[in-house]
Structures are given as structure tokens and as C-alpha cells.
Protein backbone atom coordinates (compact mmCIF):
# COMPACT_ATOMS: atom_id res chain seq x y z
CA UNK A 1 8.00 10.51 -5.43
CA UNK A 2 8.83 7.14 -4.22
CA UNK A 3 9.40 6.00 -0.54
CA UNK A 4 13.01 4.88 -1.44
CA UNK A 5 16.83 6.47 0.46
CA UNK A 6 19.31 7.74 -2.19
CA UNK A 7 22.47 6.25 -0.27
CA UNK A 8 21.41 2.99 1.34
CA UNK A 9 18.63 1.67 -0.62
CA UNK A 10 16.38 0.80 1.73
CA UNK A 11 12.84 0.85 0.13
CA UNK A 12 9.42 0.04 1.80
CA UNK A 13 8.33 -2.92 3.22
CA UNK A 14 4.99 -5.72 3.66
CA UNK A 15 4.56 -8.14 6.83
CA UNK A 16 1.45 -8.31 8.52
CA UNK A 17 -0.89 -7.05 10.90
CA UNK A 18 -1.55 -9.95 13.73
CA UNK A 19 -5.17 -8.92 16.15
CA UNK A 20 -5.50 -10.42 19.55
CA UNK A 21 -7.18 -13.34 17.50
CA UNK A 22 -4.40 -13.71 15.75
CA UNK A 23 -6.01 -12.90 12.28
CA UNK A 24 -3.38 -11.61 9.64
CA UNK A 25 -3.86 -8.76 8.05
CA UNK A 26 -1.72 -7.00 6.03
CA UNK A 27 0.48 -3.88 5.98
CA UNK A 28 3.29 -2.12 5.18
CA UNK A 29 6.97 -0.67 7.07
CA UNK A 30 7.78 2.44 5.97
CA UNK A 31 11.21 3.61 5.66
CA UNK A 32 12.14 6.96 8.00
CA UNK A 33 12.69 8.90 5.40
CA UNK A 34 13.92 13.14 5.06
CA UNK A 35 14.36 14.92 2.23
CA UNK A 36 17.88 17.10 3.89
CA UNK A 37 19.92 19.46 2.01
CA UNK A 38 23.70 18.70 2.45
CA UNK A 39 26.61 20.52 0.47
CA UNK A 40 29.31 19.29 -1.37
CA UNK A 41 32.46 20.75 -1.18
CA UNK A 42 33.80 18.92 -4.32
CA UNK A 43 31.29 19.96 -7.22
CA UNK A 44 31.34 23.27 -4.45
CA UNK A 45 27.18 23.04 -4.87
CA UNK A 46 23.81 22.09 -2.74
CA UNK A 47 22.24 19.19 -3.33
CA UNK A 48 19.28 17.36 -2.46
CA UNK A 49 18.91 13.83 -1.03
CA UNK A 50 15.82 12.07 0.42
CA UNK A 51 17.33 9.52 2.84
CA UNK A 52 16.47 7.76 5.71
CA UNK A 53 17.96 8.07 9.41
CA UNK A 54 20.98 5.37 8.34
CA UNK A 55 21.96 6.97 6.13
CA UNK A 56 22.25 10.02 7.94
CA UNK A 57 24.29 8.14 9.70
CA UNK A 58 26.33 6.48 7.07
CA UNK A 59 27.49 10.16 5.41
CA UNK A 60 27.89 11.43 9.44
CA UNK A 61 30.74 7.90 9.17
CA UNK A 62 32.25 7.97 6.31
CA UNK A 63 31.85 11.57 4.81
CA UNK A 64 29.42 12.12 1.39
CA UNK A 65 31.90 11.95 -0.96
CA UNK A 66 33.30 8.58 0.11
CA UNK A 67 28.92 7.60 0.37
CA UNK A 68 27.44 9.46 -2.22
CA UNK A 69 30.39 7.20 -4.44
CA UNK A 70 29.23 4.45 -3.03
CA UNK A 71 25.75 4.48 -3.02
CA UNK A 72 26.64 5.42 -7.20
CA UNK A 73 28.76 1.84 -7.86
CA UNK A 74 25.99 -0.47 -5.71
CA UNK A 75 23.17 2.10 -8.43
CA UNK A 76 21.20 4.06 -5.88
CA UNK A 77 21.70 7.29 -7.35
CA UNK A 78 23.35 8.80 -11.04
CA UNK A 79 25.43 11.17 -10.08
């Protein structure tokens, strides 16, 4: 399972660890992901999503159906 948010499409980024002597080594910034179940009223079923904290806020703001439709239009999820 890849570490990608199914609502916002966020994925891991790369960057540098910078030491006190200013040496730089590569590192990875992971996404703050949760595996969460939602009840989808329009389809009358439970769905399980890997979503980030930002994706959870999006669902709380615009609703599950609108968030799934927006993610499907952008190609993050297949419905």
C-alpha cells in the first residue's frame, strides 16, 4: 500500500537533514496518514480510505460525497 492520501493526493516529499556542520543527507517527509472508515449515505455502504489530516478536514468541511467526487475528478481515487 502506497503512502498517498486518497482525497488530496498528497505523498511523501524528499529533503535534507542538515547537521550542525552544515552537512546534508537525504531524508523523507512522510504524510500524516490515517486509515479511516466512513459511512457513505448515498451508496448505503461503508468505505475505507487512507486519508491525511488535511483530507479529513476537507471531508468535514464539504462532506464525504463532494470530497469523493472532487478526488475522482482529479484521478486520486476510482469510484
